[in-house]
C-alpha atoms as a PDB file:
ATOM      1  CA  MET A   1     100.041 149.300  75.194  1.00  0.00           C
ATOM      2  CA  LYS A   2      97.052 148.125  77.191  1.00  0.00           C
ATOM      3  CA  LYS A   3      94.702 148.117  73.707  1.00  0.00           C
ATOM      4  CA  SER A   4      97.498 144.992  72.088  1.00  0.00           C
ATOM      5  CA  VAL A   5      97.160 143.268  75.548  1.00  0.00           C
ATOM      6  CA  LEU A   6      93.317 143.812  75.171  1.00  0.00           C
ATOM      7  CA  ALA A   7      93.165 142.896  72.034  1.00  0.00           C
ATOM      8  CA  ALA A   8      95.402 139.713  72.382  1.00  0.00           C
ATOM      9  CA  LEU A   9      93.227 138.326  74.805  1.00  0.00           C
ATOM     10  CA  LEU A  10      90.437 138.457  73.166  1.00  0.00           C
ATOM     11  CA  ALA A  11      92.008 136.806  69.385  1.00  0.00           C
ATOM     12  CA  THR A  12      92.798 133.623  72.069  1.00  0.00           C
ATOM     13  CA  ALA A  13      89.208 133.222  74.005  1.00  0.00           C
ATOM     14  CA  PRO A  14      88.074 131.220  70.512  1.00  0.00           C
ATOM     15  CA  PHE A  15      90.768 128.984  70.872  1.00  0.00           C
ATOM     16  CA  MET A  16      90.968 128.757  74.557  1.00  0.00           C
ATOM     17  CA  ALA A  17      87.545 128.153  74.721  1.00  0.00           C
ATOM     18  CA  SER A  18      87.746 125.056  71.963  1.00  0.00           C
ATOM     19  CA  ALA A  19      90.685 123.620  73.259  1.00  0.00           C
ATOM     20  CA  ASP A  20      88.654 122.844  76.428  1.00  0.00           C
ATOM     21  CA  MET A  21      86.233 121.326  74.190  1.00  0.00           C
ATOM     22  CA  LEU A  22      88.811 119.608  72.569  1.00  0.00           C
ATOM     23  CA  ILE A  23      90.403 117.227  74.946  1.00  0.00           C
ATOM     24  CA  GLY A  24      90.086 117.096  79.025  1.00  0.00           C
ATOM     25  CA  GLY A  25      90.443 114.176  81.365  1.00  0.00           C
ATOM     26  CA  ASP A  26      90.978 113.873  85.266  1.00  0.00           C
ATOM     27  CA  VAL A  27      92.992 112.434  87.873  1.00  0.00           C
ATOM     28  CA  GLU A  28      91.287 110.863  90.934  1.00  0.00           C
ATOM     29  CA  VAL A  29      92.688 109.714  94.496  1.00  0.00           C
ATOM     30  CA  ASN A  30      91.705 107.921  96.853  1.00  0.00           C
ATOM     31  CA  MET A  31      91.886 106.604 100.576  1.00  0.00           C
ATOM     32  CA  TRP A  32      90.444 103.020 100.759  1.00  0.00           C
ATOM     33  CA  GLN A  33      89.441 101.732 103.844  1.00  0.00           C
ATOM     34  CA  GLN A  34      90.092  97.640 103.600  1.00  0.00           C
ATOM     35  CA  SER A  35      88.613  93.847 105.105  1.00  0.00           C
ATOM     36  CA  HIS A  36      90.364  90.986 103.806  1.00  0.00           C
ATOM     37  CA  ASN A  37      89.102  87.438 103.358  1.00  0.00           C
ATOM     38  CA  PHE A  38      90.922  84.696 101.883  1.00  0.00           C
ATOM     39  CA  ALA A  39      89.024  81.394 100.673  1.00  0.00           C
ATOM     40  CA  GLY A  40      85.519  82.349 103.067  1.00  0.00           C
ATOM     41  CA  SER A  41      87.615  83.549 106.135  1.00  0.00           C
ATOM     42  CA  LYS A  42      88.478  86.775 107.481  1.00  0.00           C
ATOM     43  CA  VAL A  43      92.169  87.974 107.307  1.00  0.00           C
ATOM     44  CA  ASP A  44      94.786  90.680 108.536  1.00  0.00           C
ATOM     45  CA  GLY A  45      95.868  92.686 106.390  1.00  0.00           C
ATOM     46  CA  ASP A  46      97.339  96.354 105.823  1.00  0.00           C
ATOM     47  CA  ASP A  47      93.800  98.333 106.650  1.00  0.00           C
ATOM     48  CA  THR A  48      94.596 101.438 104.020  1.00  0.00           C
ATOM     49  CA  SER A  49      95.566 101.930 101.005  1.00  0.00           C
ATOM     50  CA  PHE A  50      96.035 104.433  98.102  1.00  0.00           C
ATOM     51  CA  THR A  51      94.517 104.243  95.178  1.00  0.00           C
ATOM     52  CA  PHE A  52      95.406 106.438  92.144  1.00  0.00           C
ATOM     53  CA  GLU A  53      93.358 106.960  88.615  1.00  0.00           C
ATOM     54  CA  ALA A  54      93.857 108.913  85.070  1.00  0.00           C
ATOM     55  CA  SER A  55      91.768 109.317  82.396  1.00  0.00           C
ATOM     56  CA  LEU A  56      92.197 111.240  78.754  1.00  0.00           C
ATOM     57  CA  GLU A  57      89.457 111.767  76.555  1.00  0.00           C
ATOM     58  CA  HIS A  58      89.872 113.952  73.424  1.00  0.00           C
ATOM     59  CA  PHE A  59      86.874 115.142  70.499  1.00  0.00           C
ATOM     60  CA  VAL A  60      87.757 112.473  67.990  1.00  0.00           C
ATOM     61  CA  PRO A  61      84.966 109.877  67.599  1.00  0.00           C
ATOM     62  CA  LEU A  62      86.442 106.377  66.149  1.00  0.00           C
ATOM     63  CA  ILE A  63      89.431 106.582  68.296  1.00  0.00           C
ATOM     64  CA  PRO A  64      89.108 105.776  71.762  1.00  0.00           C
ATOM     65  CA  ASN A  65      90.094 107.602  75.687  1.00  0.00           C
ATOM     66  CA  PHE A  66      92.137 105.878  77.771  1.00  0.00           C
ATOM     67  CA  LYS A  67      92.098 105.761  80.983  1.00  0.00           C
ATOM     68  CA  ILE A  68      94.706 103.930  83.924  1.00  0.00           C
ATOM     69  CA  GLY A  69      94.379 102.973  87.477  1.00  0.00           C
ATOM     70  CA  GLN A  70      95.829 101.327  90.472  1.00  0.00           C
ATOM     71  CA  SER A  71      95.144  99.727  93.383  1.00  0.00           C
ATOM     72  CA  SER A  72      97.212  97.288  95.730  1.00  0.00           C
ATOM     73  CA  VAL A  73      96.289  95.014  98.549  1.00  0.00           C
ATOM     74  CA  ASP A  74      98.425  93.387 101.364  1.00  0.00           C
ATOM     75  CA  ASN A  75      97.645  91.137 104.194  1.00  0.00           C
ATOM     76  CA  SER A  76      98.635  87.866 105.350  1.00  0.00           C
ATOM     77  CA  GLU A  77      97.412  85.400 102.979  1.00  0.00           C
ATOM     78  CA  TYR A  78      97.691  87.648  99.493  1.00  0.00           C
ATOM     79  CA  ALA A  79      99.190  90.418  98.103  1.00  0.00           C
ATOM     80  CA  TYR A  80      98.825  92.308  94.450  1.00  0.00           C
ATOM     81  CA  THR A  81      98.961  95.542  92.681  1.00  0.00           C
ATOM     82  CA  LYS A  82      96.855  95.774  90.337  1.00  0.00           C
ATOM     83  CA  ARG A  83      97.552  98.168  87.325  1.00  0.00           C
ATOM     84  CA  ASP A  84      94.166  98.314  84.883  1.00  0.00           C
ATOM     85  CA  TYR A  85      94.797  99.828  81.115  1.00  0.00           C
ATOM     86  CA  THR A  86      91.133 100.561  79.520  1.00  0.00           C
ATOM     87  CA  LEU A  87      90.208 101.917  76.902  1.00  0.00           C
ATOM     88  CA  TYR A  88      86.724 103.084  76.439  1.00  0.00           C
ATOM     89  CA  TYR A  89      84.260 105.491  74.890  1.00  0.00           C
ATOM     90  CA  GLU A  90      81.574 108.232  75.978  1.00  0.00           C
ATOM     91  CA  PHE A  91      78.204 107.092  74.498  1.00  0.00           C
ATOM     92  CA  LEU A  92      76.390 109.598  76.878  1.00  0.00           C
ATOM     93  CA  ASP A  93      77.608 113.291  78.657  1.00  0.00           C
ATOM     94  CA  ASN A  94      75.720 115.950  79.334  1.00  0.00           C
ATOM     95  CA  ASP A  95      75.049 117.873  82.863  1.00  0.00           C
ATOM     96  CA  LEU A  96      72.643 114.901  84.333  1.00  0.00           C
ATOM     97  CA  VAL A  97      74.100 111.866  82.812  1.00  0.00           C
ATOM     98  CA  SER A  98      77.427 110.488  81.395  1.00  0.00           C
ATOM     99  CA  LEU A  99      77.833 106.582  80.891  1.00  0.00           C
ATOM    100  CA  ASP A 100      81.084 105.357  79.264  1.00  0.00           C
ATOM    101  CA  ALA A 101      82.004 101.459  78.161  1.00  0.00           C
ATOM    102  CA  GLY A 102      85.105  99.859  77.024  1.00  0.00           C
ATOM    103  CA  ILE A 103      87.872  97.055  77.008  1.00  0.00           C
ATOM    104  CA  GLY A 104      90.782  96.692  78.499  1.00  0.00           C
ATOM    105  CA  LEU A 105      93.946  94.984  80.326  1.00  0.00           C
ATOM    106  CA  SER A 106      94.236  94.404  84.070  1.00  0.00           C
ATOM    107  CA  GLU A 107      98.043  93.113  85.387  1.00  0.00           C
ATOM    108  CA  PHE A 108      98.664  91.973  88.156  1.00  0.00           C
ATOM    109  CA  ALA A 109     102.183  92.725  89.389  1.00  0.00           C
ATOM    110  CA  ASP A 110     104.539  91.807  92.806  1.00  0.00           C
ATOM    111  CA  GLY A 111     101.553  88.762  93.684  1.00  0.00           C
ATOM    112  CA  GLU A 112     102.083  86.324  96.267  1.00  0.00           C
ATOM    113  CA  ILE A 113     100.370  83.524  97.966  1.00  0.00           C
ATOM    114  CA  LYS A 114     101.042  83.224 101.848  1.00  0.00           C
ATOM    115  CA  LYS A 115     100.814  81.990 104.876  1.00  0.00           C
ATOM    116  CA  VAL A 116     100.202  83.287 108.029  1.00  0.00           C
ATOM    117  CA  GLY A 117     102.790  86.058 105.970  1.00  0.00           C
ATOM    118  CA  LEU A 118     105.827  83.815 104.572  1.00  0.00           C
ATOM    119  CA  LYS A 119     105.357  83.773 101.131  1.00  0.00           C
ATOM    120  CA  LEU A 120     104.882  80.369  99.347  1.00  0.00           C
ATOM    121  CA  GLU A 121     104.190  81.452  95.725  1.00  0.00           C
ATOM    122  CA  ASP A 122     104.742  84.366  93.015  1.00  0.00           C
ATOM    123  CA  PHE A 123     102.393  85.074  90.512  1.00  0.00           C
ATOM    124  CA  SER A 124     102.149  87.824  87.913  1.00  0.00           C
ATOM    125  CA  GLY A 125     100.219  88.680  84.789  1.00  0.00           C
ATOM    126  CA  TYR A 126      97.291  89.935  82.526  1.00  0.00           C
ATOM    127  CA  LEU A 127      93.657  89.567  82.148  1.00  0.00           C
ATOM    128  CA  PRO A 128      91.067  91.021  80.050  1.00  0.00           C
ATOM    129  CA  HIS A 129      88.620  93.038  80.860  1.00  0.00           C
ATOM    130  CA  VAL A 130      85.020  94.653  80.770  1.00  0.00           C
ATOM    131  CA  TYR A 131      84.988  98.189  81.593  1.00  0.00           C
ATOM    132  CA  ALA A 132      81.631 100.329  82.527  1.00  0.00           C
ATOM    133  CA  ALA A 133      81.155 104.439  84.586  1.00  0.00           C
ATOM    134  CA  ALA A 134      77.561 105.820  85.106  1.00  0.00           C
ATOM    135  CA  GLU A 135      77.270 108.975  86.797  1.00  0.00           C
ATOM    136  CA  VAL A 136      73.917 110.551  87.534  1.00  0.00           C
ATOM    137  CA  GLY A 137      73.462 113.911  88.645  1.00  0.00           C
ATOM    138  CA  LEU A 138      71.059 115.095  91.546  1.00  0.00           C
ATOM    139  CA  PRO A 139      69.347 118.364  89.526  1.00  0.00           C
ATOM    140  CA  MET A 140      69.549 122.084  90.842  1.00  0.00           C
ATOM    141  CA  THR A 141      72.748 120.414  93.223  1.00  0.00           C
ATOM    142  CA  PRO A 142      76.331 120.006  92.821  1.00  0.00           C
ATOM    143  CA  LEU A 143      76.266 115.970  94.059  1.00  0.00           C
ATOM    144  CA  PHE A 144      75.920 113.711  91.605  1.00  0.00           C
ATOM    145  CA  VAL A 145      75.936 109.473  92.355  1.00  0.00           C
ATOM    146  CA  PHE A 146      78.611 106.889  90.272  1.00  0.00           C
ATOM    147  CA  ALA A 147      79.188 103.667  89.735  1.00  0.00           C
ATOM    148  CA  LYS A 148      82.359 101.797  87.669  1.00  0.00           C
ATOM    149  CA  GLY A 149      83.912  98.543  87.511  1.00  0.00           C
ATOM    150  CA  ASN A 150      85.632  96.499  85.231  1.00  0.00           C
ATOM    151  CA  GLY A 151      85.636  92.150  85.426  1.00  0.00           C
ATOM    152  CA  ILE A 152      85.768  89.040  83.658  1.00  0.00           C
ATOM    153  CA  SER A 153      85.116  85.525  83.686  1.00  0.00           C
ATOM    154  CA  TYR A 154      86.424  82.397  81.959  1.00  0.00           C
ATOM    155  CA  ASP A 155      87.685  78.855  82.646  1.00  0.00           C
ATOM    156  CA  ASP A 156      88.572  78.999  86.244  1.00  0.00           C
ATOM    157  CA  ASN A 157      89.369  82.968  86.332  1.00  0.00           C
ATOM    158  CA  THR A 158      86.939  85.369  88.265  1.00  0.00           C
ATOM    159  CA  MET A 159      87.774  89.350  88.492  1.00  0.00           C
ATOM    160  CA  PHE A 160      85.465  91.221  90.051  1.00  0.00           C
ATOM    161  CA  ASP A 161      86.803  95.245  90.723  1.00  0.00           C
ATOM    162  CA  ALA A 162      84.113  97.395  91.430  1.00  0.00           C
ATOM    163  CA  SER A 163      83.033 100.744  93.178  1.00  0.00           C
ATOM    164  CA  VAL A 164      80.221 103.021  93.853  1.00  0.00           C
ATOM    165  CA  GLY A 165      79.471 106.609  95.692  1.00  0.00           C
ATOM    166  CA  VAL A 166      78.699 110.336  95.540  1.00  0.00           C
ATOM    167  CA  GLN A 167      80.679 113.126  94.620  1.00  0.00           C
ATOM    168  CA  TYR A 168      80.369 116.419  95.622  1.00  0.00           C
ATOM    169  CA  SER A 169      81.645 118.806  92.842  1.00  0.00           C
ATOM    170  CA  ILE A 170      83.143 122.321  93.655  1.00  0.00           C
ATOM    171  CA  GLY A 171      83.547 124.151  89.974  1.00  0.00           C
ATOM    172  CA  LEU A 172      86.670 125.913  89.858  1.00  0.00           C
ATOM    173  CA  TYR A 173      87.817 128.514  87.267  1.00  0.00           C
ATOM    174  CA  ALA A 174      89.996 126.085  85.006  1.00  0.00           C
ATOM    175  CA  PHE A 175      89.052 122.514  86.468  1.00  0.00           C
ATOM    176  CA  ASP A 176      86.010 120.968  89.024  1.00  0.00           C
ATOM    177  CA  LEU A 177      87.588 119.700  92.584  1.00  0.00           C
ATOM    178  CA  GLU A 178      85.350 116.938  92.970  1.00  0.00           C
ATOM    179  CA  LEU A 179      85.354 115.405  96.139  1.00  0.00           C
ATOM    180  CA  GLN A 180      84.000 111.691  96.528  1.00  0.00           C
ATOM    181  CA  ALA A 181      83.260 108.866  99.270  1.00  0.00           C
ATOM    182  CA  GLY A 182      81.933 105.323  98.457  1.00  0.00           C
ATOM    183  CA  TYR A 183      82.086 101.662  98.235  1.00  0.00           C
ATOM    184  CA  ARG A 184      85.023  99.332  96.674  1.00  0.00           C
ATOM    185  CA  ILE A 185      85.540  95.626  96.323  1.00  0.00           C
ATOM    186  CA  HIS A 186      87.613  93.459  94.845  1.00  0.00           C
ATOM    187  CA  ASN A 187      86.507  90.162  94.200  1.00  0.00           C
ATOM    188  CA  PHE A 188      89.228  86.975  92.529  1.00  0.00           C
ATOM    189  CA  ASP A 189      88.980  83.612  91.930  1.00  0.00           C
ATOM    190  CA  PHE A 190      91.987  82.750  90.464  1.00  0.00           C
ATOM    191  CA  GLN A 191      92.162  78.741  90.295  1.00  0.00           C
ATOM    192  CA  ASP A 192      94.976  78.778  86.358  1.00  0.00           C
ATOM    193  CA  PHE A 193      96.271  82.200  86.790  1.00  0.00           C
ATOM    194  CA  ASP A 194     100.094  82.255  86.642  1.00  0.00           C
ATOM    195  CA  ASP A 195     100.290  78.606  87.237  1.00  0.00           C
ATOM    196  CA  LEU A 196      99.387  79.403  90.518  1.00  0.00           C
ATOM    197  CA  LYS A 197      99.422  75.602  92.665  1.00  0.00           C
ATOM    198  CA  THR A 198      97.085  77.438  95.480  1.00  0.00           C
ATOM    199  CA  ASP A 199      94.316  78.797  94.216  1.00  0.00           C
ATOM    200  CA  LEU A 200      93.605  83.033  94.825  1.00  0.00           C
ATOM    201  CA  ASP A 201      89.655  83.370  96.432  1.00  0.00           C
ATOM    202  CA  SER A 202      90.082  86.652  97.735  1.00  0.00           C
ATOM    203  CA  LYS A 203      87.759  89.232  98.260  1.00  0.00           C
ATOM    204  CA  THR A 204      88.809  92.835  99.772  1.00  0.00           C
ATOM    205  CA  ASP A 205      86.495  95.280 100.314  1.00  0.00           C
ATOM    206  CA  GLY A 206      85.505  98.605 102.078  1.00  0.00           C
ATOM    207  CA  LEU A 207      85.212 102.443 102.219  1.00  0.00           C
ATOM    208  CA  PHE A 208      86.925 105.020 100.566  1.00  0.00           C
ATOM    209  CA  ALA A 209      86.912 108.919 100.383  1.00  0.00           C
ATOM    210  CA  GLY A 210      89.340 110.992  98.133  1.00  0.00           C
ATOM    211  CA  VAL A 211      89.013 113.406  95.563  1.00  0.00           C
ATOM    212  CA  ASN A 212      89.103 114.130  91.685  1.00  0.00           C
ATOM    213  CA  ILE A 213      90.157 116.567  90.095  1.00  0.00           C
ATOM    214  CA  ASP A 214      87.686 117.169  86.823  1.00  0.00           C
ATOM    215  CA  PHE A 215      89.691 119.946  83.958  1.00  0.00           C
END
């Protein structure tokens, strides 16, 4: 019986190794400490918000990988939930350097323009975006630095969502647990989006910390 079990494990070992190379991805959750600005002035709002991101990567060269993300902002002058849907390619991927780039859509849901907390206008809709991400490992250490973001600028609308930070990787049996911290900014200027009568000239930024599970 033991010999049969051992033989089965040995027979499946190459498949398990190849399966790990065929598909992968990550899941990321962060707590974002926020400060808020509207039309150049600081405004009061929620101090923290949780952000989520997940990606799925595969081995087929011509088919892009897929990433989704969500973040939200709520203060006395504006509020929204931003969801990102991105198709991207890996142009570099090794132990020290990785580089991704692609395109996608950013969805704005539950958008509100407010005045002292009272809702004046609703908005929702989609904007296209360009996406890029880079990671650089520090040789002989479990540390690496990263930068990523998406954005677009056309007509009277500008969207810029970017993060920079550092990660500490802990290698486990089935995945890597990466502890991370950094800085994130949403910088938006919407003057003609979903028939808004009020310009959304906003900046939300601050430090974040969280975990990324890389499998």
